[in-house]
Amino acid sequence: MAFTDYFAPIKRVSQQHRGVIIMFNTTLALLVTGELCLREVVPASMVLSVDSVAAVLLQPLGLLGLGFLLAGLLMWSVLLVRHQISFFYPLWGLGSVVLLGLSWLRPSGWVDPKALFGVLLVLLGAGLLMRGGHSRS
């Protein structure tokens, strides 16, 4: 089997679902951006209370992060209404992979070995899905 033969199913799937994949990537970008904005505002040792939530939302970056998250969740809802969750759920884990990678680039970004193992599982699942494990009904 040639190396290019391995990627033929991925090309076939991407041609069939081009608009859906663009919408999914936009959703993923919104959610990851919102999460990164909130990580900059929320201290790691924050105790959940009404005052602490209000303090986060009164900061521009916190409000922007919440807006990105809400827009991403709205787009996610639209995707799930139109298409099967069995196609998107394994790909959803790619958001965690991107977030972990971006967190690792930060100066204080230490990555837990369990998180790395989870990333490997997500990548394996997404690879199997794109290889042809999805059938549209």
N, C-alpha and C. Protein backbone atom coordinates (compact mmCIF):
# COMPACT_ATOMS: atom_id res chain seq x y z
N MET A 1 0.84 -1.18 0.00
CA MET A 1 0.00 0.00 0.00
C MET A 1 0.89 1.24 0.00
N ALA A 2 0.68 2.13 -0.94
CA ALA A 2 1.46 3.35 -1.05
C ALA A 2 1.04 4.34 0.04
N PHE A 3 1.95 5.23 0.36
CA PHE A 3 1.69 6.23 1.40
C PHE A 3 0.48 7.08 1.04
N THR A 4 0.33 7.45 -0.23
CA THR A 4 -0.80 8.28 -0.64
C THR A 4 -2.12 7.53 -0.58
N ASP A 5 -2.08 6.20 -0.68
CA ASP A 5 -3.30 5.41 -0.56
C ASP A 5 -3.89 5.51 0.84
N TYR A 6 -3.04 5.70 1.83
CA TYR A 6 -3.51 5.81 3.21
C TYR A 6 -4.40 7.03 3.39
N PHE A 7 -4.09 8.12 2.68
CA PHE A 7 -4.83 9.37 2.85
C PHE A 7 -5.99 9.53 1.87
N ALA A 8 -6.22 8.59 0.98
CA ALA A 8 -7.32 8.68 0.02
C ALA A 8 -8.69 8.76 0.71
N PRO A 9 -8.97 7.94 1.75
CA PRO A 9 -10.27 8.07 2.42
C PRO A 9 -10.46 9.43 3.08
N ILE A 10 -9.39 10.01 3.60
CA ILE A 10 -9.49 11.33 4.22
C ILE A 10 -9.87 12.36 3.17
N LYS A 11 -9.27 12.28 1.99
CA LYS A 11 -9.59 13.21 0.91
C LYS A 11 -11.04 13.03 0.47
N ARG A 12 -11.50 11.78 0.39
CA ARG A 12 -12.89 11.51 -0.01
C ARG A 12 -13.86 12.10 0.99
N VAL A 13 -13.61 11.89 2.28
CA VAL A 13 -14.50 12.42 3.32
C VAL A 13 -14.48 13.94 3.30
N SER A 14 -13.30 14.54 3.15
CA SER A 14 -13.23 16.00 3.17
C SER A 14 -13.94 16.61 1.96
N GLN A 15 -13.95 15.95 0.81
CA GLN A 15 -14.66 16.48 -0.35
C GLN A 15 -16.17 16.37 -0.17
N GLN A 16 -16.63 15.32 0.48
CA GLN A 16 -18.06 15.13 0.69
C GLN A 16 -18.63 16.11 1.71
N HIS A 17 -17.85 16.46 2.70
CA HIS A 17 -18.34 17.25 3.83
C HIS A 17 -17.61 18.58 3.98
N ARG A 18 -17.23 19.21 2.88
CA ARG A 18 -16.40 20.42 2.94
C ARG A 18 -17.04 21.52 3.80
N GLY A 19 -18.30 21.87 3.56
CA GLY A 19 -18.96 22.93 4.32
C GLY A 19 -19.10 22.59 5.79
N VAL A 20 -19.40 21.33 6.06
CA VAL A 20 -19.56 20.89 7.45
C VAL A 20 -18.22 20.96 8.17
N ILE A 21 -17.16 20.58 7.49
CA ILE A 21 -15.83 20.60 8.12
C ILE A 21 -15.40 22.04 8.39
N ILE A 22 -15.72 22.96 7.49
CA ILE A 22 -15.41 24.37 7.72
C ILE A 22 -16.17 24.88 8.94
N MET A 23 -17.45 24.54 9.03
CA MET A 23 -18.24 24.98 10.18
C MET A 23 -17.73 24.35 11.47
N PHE A 24 -17.34 23.08 11.42
CA PHE A 24 -16.81 22.41 12.60
C PHE A 24 -15.50 23.07 13.04
N ASN A 25 -14.62 23.37 12.09
CA ASN A 25 -13.35 24.01 12.44
C ASN A 25 -13.56 25.40 13.03
N THR A 26 -14.54 26.13 12.51
CA THR A 26 -14.87 27.44 13.07
C THR A 26 -15.38 27.29 14.50
N THR A 27 -16.23 26.30 14.72
CA THR A 27 -16.74 26.03 16.06
C THR A 27 -15.60 25.72 17.01
N LEU A 28 -14.71 24.86 16.58
CA LEU A 28 -13.57 24.47 17.39
C LEU A 28 -12.69 25.68 17.71
N ALA A 29 -12.46 26.53 16.72
CA ALA A 29 -11.64 27.73 16.93
C ALA A 29 -12.28 28.67 17.93
N LEU A 30 -13.59 28.85 17.84
CA LEU A 30 -14.29 29.72 18.79
C LEU A 30 -14.19 29.18 20.21
N LEU A 31 -14.40 27.88 20.37
CA LEU A 31 -14.36 27.30 21.71
C LEU A 31 -12.95 27.33 22.31
N VAL A 32 -11.95 27.03 21.51
CA VAL A 32 -10.57 27.06 22.02
C VAL A 32 -10.16 28.49 22.36
N THR A 33 -10.52 29.45 21.51
CA THR A 33 -10.20 30.85 21.78
C THR A 33 -10.88 31.33 23.06
N GLY A 34 -12.14 30.97 23.23
CA GLY A 34 -12.85 31.34 24.45
C GLY A 34 -12.20 30.74 25.69
N GLU A 35 -11.81 29.49 25.60
CA GLU A 35 -11.15 28.83 26.73
C GLU A 35 -9.82 29.48 27.06
N LEU A 36 -9.04 29.83 26.04
CA LEU A 36 -7.75 30.49 26.27
C LEU A 36 -7.93 31.87 26.89
N CYS A 37 -8.95 32.61 26.45
CA CYS A 37 -9.23 33.92 27.05
C CYS A 37 -9.58 33.76 28.53
N LEU A 38 -10.41 32.80 28.84
CA LEU A 38 -10.80 32.60 30.24
C LEU A 38 -9.64 32.10 31.09
N ARG A 39 -8.75 31.31 30.51
CA ARG A 39 -7.58 30.84 31.27
C ARG A 39 -6.66 31.99 31.65
N GLU A 40 -6.64 33.04 30.84
CA GLU A 40 -5.81 34.20 31.17
C GLU A 40 -6.40 35.00 32.32
N VAL A 41 -7.70 34.96 32.48
CA VAL A 41 -8.38 35.78 33.48
C VAL A 41 -8.59 35.04 34.79
N VAL A 42 -8.89 33.76 34.72
CA VAL A 42 -9.23 32.99 35.92
C VAL A 42 -7.95 32.46 36.56
N PRO A 43 -7.71 32.81 37.83
CA PRO A 43 -6.54 32.25 38.52
C PRO A 43 -6.74 30.76 38.79
N ALA A 44 -5.64 30.02 38.83
CA ALA A 44 -5.72 28.56 39.03
C ALA A 44 -6.31 28.20 40.39
N SER A 45 -6.13 29.07 41.37
CA SER A 45 -6.60 28.76 42.72
C SER A 45 -7.94 29.43 43.04
N MET A 46 -8.69 29.80 42.02
CA MET A 46 -9.96 30.50 42.24
C MET A 46 -11.01 29.57 42.85
N VAL A 47 -11.68 30.08 43.87
CA VAL A 47 -12.79 29.37 44.49
C VAL A 47 -14.07 29.86 43.82
N LEU A 48 -14.92 28.93 43.42
CA LEU A 48 -16.14 29.29 42.71
C LEU A 48 -17.13 29.95 43.66
N SER A 49 -17.47 31.19 43.35
CA SER A 49 -18.47 31.93 44.11
C SER A 49 -19.07 32.98 43.18
N VAL A 50 -20.14 33.60 43.62
CA VAL A 50 -20.79 34.63 42.81
C VAL A 50 -19.83 35.80 42.60
N ASP A 51 -19.09 36.17 43.64
CA ASP A 51 -18.15 37.28 43.52
C ASP A 51 -17.02 36.98 42.54
N SER A 52 -16.50 35.75 42.57
CA SER A 52 -15.39 35.41 41.68
C SER A 52 -15.86 35.35 40.22
N VAL A 53 -17.06 34.84 39.99
CA VAL A 53 -17.61 34.81 38.62
C VAL A 53 -17.84 36.24 38.13
N ALA A 54 -18.38 37.09 38.99
CA ALA A 54 -18.61 38.49 38.61
C ALA A 54 -17.28 39.19 38.32
N ALA A 55 -16.24 38.89 39.10
CA ALA A 55 -14.93 39.51 38.87
C ALA A 55 -14.37 39.11 37.51
N VAL A 56 -14.57 37.86 37.12
CA VAL A 56 -14.09 37.40 35.82
C VAL A 56 -14.87 38.06 34.69
N LEU A 57 -16.18 38.14 34.84
CA LEU A 57 -17.03 38.70 33.78
C LEU A 57 -16.90 40.21 33.64
N LEU A 58 -16.41 40.88 34.67
CA LEU A 58 -16.23 42.32 34.59
C LEU A 58 -14.94 42.70 33.86
N GLN A 59 -14.09 41.73 33.63
CA GLN A 59 -12.86 41.99 32.87
C GLN A 59 -13.16 41.80 31.38
N PRO A 60 -12.63 42.67 30.53
CA PRO A 60 -12.93 42.56 29.08
C PRO A 60 -12.54 41.21 28.48
N LEU A 61 -11.40 40.67 28.88
CA LEU A 61 -10.96 39.38 28.33
C LEU A 61 -11.88 38.25 28.79
N GLY A 62 -12.39 38.35 30.01
CA GLY A 62 -13.33 37.34 30.51
C GLY A 62 -14.65 37.38 29.75
N LEU A 63 -15.13 38.58 29.50
CA LEU A 63 -16.38 38.74 28.75
C LEU A 63 -16.20 38.29 27.30
N LEU A 64 -15.05 38.60 26.72
CA LEU A 64 -14.76 38.16 25.35
C LEU A 64 -14.68 36.63 25.28
N GLY A 65 -14.02 36.02 26.26
CA GLY A 65 -13.93 34.56 26.31
C GLY A 65 -15.29 33.91 26.41
N LEU A 66 -16.15 34.47 27.26
CA LEU A 66 -17.50 33.94 27.40
C LEU A 66 -18.28 34.08 26.09
N GLY A 67 -18.10 35.20 25.40
CA GLY A 67 -18.77 35.40 24.11
C GLY A 67 -18.33 34.37 23.08
N PHE A 68 -17.01 34.11 23.03
CA PHE A 68 -16.50 33.08 22.10
C PHE A 68 -17.08 31.71 22.44
N LEU A 69 -17.13 31.39 23.73
CA LEU A 69 -17.67 30.09 24.14
C LEU A 69 -19.15 29.95 23.76
N LEU A 70 -19.92 30.99 23.99
CA LEU A 70 -21.35 30.94 23.66
C LEU A 70 -21.57 30.82 22.15
N ALA A 71 -20.79 31.56 21.36
CA ALA A 71 -20.90 31.46 19.90
C ALA A 71 -20.51 30.06 19.43
N GLY A 72 -19.47 29.50 20.01
CA GLY A 72 -19.05 28.15 19.65
C GLY A 72 -20.08 27.11 20.02
N LEU A 73 -20.70 27.26 21.19
CA LEU A 73 -21.73 26.30 21.60
C LEU A 73 -22.98 26.40 20.72
N LEU A 74 -23.30 27.61 20.28
CA LEU A 74 -24.44 27.78 19.37
C LEU A 74 -24.16 27.09 18.03
N MET A 75 -22.95 27.27 17.51
CA MET A 75 -22.60 26.60 16.25
C MET A 75 -22.55 25.09 16.43
N TRP A 76 -22.08 24.62 17.58
CA TRP A 76 -22.03 23.19 17.88
C TRP A 76 -23.45 22.62 17.86
N SER A 77 -24.40 23.36 18.43
CA SER A 77 -25.80 22.91 18.45
C SER A 77 -26.35 22.80 17.03
N VAL A 78 -26.03 23.77 16.19
CA VAL A 78 -26.49 23.73 14.79
C VAL A 78 -25.91 22.52 14.07
N LEU A 79 -24.63 22.25 14.29
CA LEU A 79 -24.01 21.08 13.66
C LEU A 79 -24.68 19.78 14.09
N LEU A 80 -24.99 19.67 15.37
CA LEU A 80 -25.58 18.42 15.87
C LEU A 80 -27.02 18.24 15.42
N VAL A 81 -27.71 19.33 15.13
CA VAL A 81 -29.07 19.22 14.62
C VAL A 81 -29.05 18.70 13.18
N ARG A 82 -28.05 19.11 12.42
CA ARG A 82 -27.99 18.77 11.00
C ARG A 82 -27.28 17.46 10.69
N HIS A 83 -26.39 17.01 11.57
CA HIS A 83 -25.55 15.85 11.26
C HIS A 83 -25.42 14.93 12.46
N GLN A 84 -24.90 13.72 12.20
CA GLN A 84 -24.78 12.71 13.24
C GLN A 84 -23.67 13.05 14.23
N ILE A 85 -23.95 12.82 15.49
CA ILE A 85 -22.94 13.05 16.51
C ILE A 85 -21.80 12.04 16.40
N SER A 86 -22.08 10.88 15.82
CA SER A 86 -21.04 9.85 15.70
C SER A 86 -19.89 10.31 14.80
N PHE A 87 -20.14 11.27 13.93
CA PHE A 87 -19.08 11.80 13.08
C PHE A 87 -18.28 12.87 13.82
N PHE A 88 -18.96 13.71 14.60
CA PHE A 88 -18.29 14.85 15.22
C PHE A 88 -17.68 14.55 16.57
N TYR A 89 -18.22 13.63 17.32
CA TYR A 89 -17.74 13.45 18.68
C TYR A 89 -16.27 13.06 18.77
N PRO A 90 -15.79 12.12 17.95
CA PRO A 90 -14.34 11.83 18.00
C PRO A 90 -13.49 13.04 17.57
N LEU A 91 -13.99 13.80 16.63
CA LEU A 91 -13.25 14.99 16.20
C LEU A 91 -13.27 16.08 17.26
N TRP A 92 -14.29 16.07 18.10
CA TRP A 92 -14.41 17.05 19.17
C TRP A 92 -13.19 17.00 20.08
N GLY A 93 -12.65 15.82 20.26
CA GLY A 93 -11.45 15.67 21.08
C GLY A 93 -10.26 16.42 20.52
N LEU A 94 -10.29 16.73 19.23
CA LEU A 94 -9.19 17.50 18.65
C LEU A 94 -9.10 18.89 19.26
N GLY A 95 -10.22 19.40 19.74
CA GLY A 95 -10.19 20.68 20.46
C GLY A 95 -9.33 20.59 21.71
N SER A 96 -9.44 19.47 22.40
CA SER A 96 -8.59 19.25 23.58
C SER A 96 -7.13 19.15 23.18
N VAL A 97 -6.86 18.54 22.05
CA VAL A 97 -5.49 18.42 21.56
C VAL A 97 -4.92 19.81 21.26
N VAL A 98 -5.69 20.63 20.57
CA VAL A 98 -5.24 21.99 20.23
C VAL A 98 -5.03 22.80 21.50
N LEU A 99 -5.98 22.71 22.43
CA LEU A 99 -5.88 23.46 23.67
C LEU A 99 -4.66 23.02 24.48
N LEU A 100 -4.40 21.74 24.53
CA LEU A 100 -3.23 21.23 25.24
C LEU A 100 -1.94 21.73 24.58
N GLY A 101 -1.91 21.71 23.26
CA GLY A 101 -0.73 22.20 22.55
C GLY A 101 -0.48 23.68 22.80
N LEU A 102 -1.54 24.47 22.76
CA LEU A 102 -1.39 25.90 23.00
C LEU A 102 -1.02 26.18 24.46
N SER A 103 -1.53 25.40 25.38
CA SER A 103 -1.18 25.57 26.79
C SER A 103 0.29 25.23 27.02
N TRP A 104 0.78 24.26 26.28
CA TRP A 104 2.17 23.84 26.42
C TRP A 104 3.12 24.96 25.99
N LEU A 105 2.69 25.78 25.05
CA LEU A 105 3.53 26.86 24.55
C LEU A 105 3.63 28.03 25.52
N ARG A 106 2.71 28.12 26.45
CA ARG A 106 2.74 29.20 27.44
C ARG A 106 3.90 28.99 28.39
N PRO A 107 4.43 30.07 28.97
CA PRO A 107 5.58 29.95 29.88
C PRO A 107 5.32 29.02 31.07
N SER A 108 4.12 29.03 31.61
CA SER A 108 3.82 28.18 32.76
C SER A 108 3.10 26.90 32.34
N GLY A 109 3.18 26.57 31.07
CA GLY A 109 2.39 25.45 30.55
C GLY A 109 3.06 24.10 30.69
N TRP A 110 2.85 23.45 31.83
CA TRP A 110 3.33 22.10 32.03
C TRP A 110 2.23 21.14 31.64
N VAL A 111 2.58 20.07 30.94
CA VAL A 111 1.58 19.13 30.45
C VAL A 111 1.68 17.82 31.23
N ASP A 112 0.56 17.37 31.73
CA ASP A 112 0.47 16.14 32.51
C ASP A 112 0.62 14.93 31.59
N PRO A 113 1.35 13.89 32.01
CA PRO A 113 1.48 12.68 31.17
C PRO A 113 0.13 12.03 30.85
N LYS A 114 -0.83 12.12 31.77
CA LYS A 114 -2.17 11.57 31.49
C LYS A 114 -2.83 12.32 30.34
N ALA A 115 -2.61 13.63 30.30
CA ALA A 115 -3.18 14.43 29.21
C ALA A 115 -2.55 14.03 27.87
N LEU A 116 -1.25 13.77 27.89
CA LEU A 116 -0.59 13.33 26.65
C LEU A 116 -1.12 11.99 26.18
N PHE A 117 -1.37 11.08 27.11
CA PHE A 117 -1.95 9.79 26.75
C PHE A 117 -3.35 9.98 26.17
N GLY A 118 -4.13 10.88 26.77
CA GLY A 118 -5.46 11.18 26.24
C GLY A 118 -5.40 11.75 24.83
N VAL A 119 -4.40 12.60 24.58
CA VAL A 119 -4.22 13.17 23.25
C VAL A 119 -3.92 12.07 22.23
N LEU A 120 -3.09 11.13 22.61
CA LEU A 120 -2.78 10.01 21.70
C LEU A 120 -4.04 9.20 21.38
N LEU A 121 -4.89 8.98 22.38
CA LEU A 121 -6.14 8.24 22.14
C LEU A 121 -7.07 9.02 21.21
N VAL A 122 -7.15 10.33 21.42
CA VAL A 122 -8.00 11.17 20.56
C VAL A 122 -7.50 11.13 19.12
N LEU A 123 -6.20 11.26 18.94
CA LEU A 123 -5.64 11.24 17.59
C LEU A 123 -5.86 9.88 16.92
N LEU A 124 -5.74 8.82 17.68
CA LEU A 124 -5.99 7.48 17.14
C LEU A 124 -7.45 7.35 16.71
N GLY A 125 -8.38 7.80 17.56
CA GLY A 125 -9.81 7.72 17.23
C GLY A 125 -10.17 8.56 16.02
N ALA A 126 -9.62 9.78 15.94
CA ALA A 126 -9.90 10.64 14.78
C ALA A 126 -9.32 10.04 13.51
N GLY A 127 -8.15 9.45 13.62
CA GLY A 127 -7.55 8.80 12.45
C GLY A 127 -8.38 7.63 11.96
N LEU A 128 -8.89 6.82 12.90
CA LEU A 128 -9.74 5.69 12.51
C LEU A 128 -11.04 6.17 11.89
N LEU A 129 -11.60 7.25 12.43
CA LEU A 129 -12.84 7.80 11.88
C LEU A 129 -12.63 8.27 10.44
N MET A 130 -11.57 9.00 10.22
CA MET A 130 -11.31 9.52 8.88
C MET A 130 -10.88 8.42 7.91
N ARG A 131 -10.42 7.32 8.43
CA ARG A 131 -9.99 6.20 7.59
C ARG A 131 -11.19 5.49 6.96
N GLY A 132 -12.38 5.74 7.50
CA GLY A 132 -13.56 5.14 6.89
C GLY A 132 -14.50 4.51 7.89
N GLY A 133 -14.38 4.88 9.15
CA GLY A 133 -15.23 4.29 10.18
C GLY A 133 -16.59 4.94 10.30
N HIS A 134 -16.93 5.85 9.42
CA HIS A 134 -18.20 6.57 9.51
C HIS A 134 -19.05 6.25 8.30
N SER A 135 -20.32 5.96 8.55
CA SER A 135 -21.24 5.78 7.43
C SER A 135 -22.46 6.65 7.67
N ARG A 136 -22.85 7.39 6.69
CA ARG A 136 -23.99 8.30 6.83
C ARG A 136 -25.28 7.55 6.55
N SER A 137 -26.25 7.71 7.44
CA SER A 137 -27.53 7.03 7.23
C SER A 137 -28.61 8.00 6.87
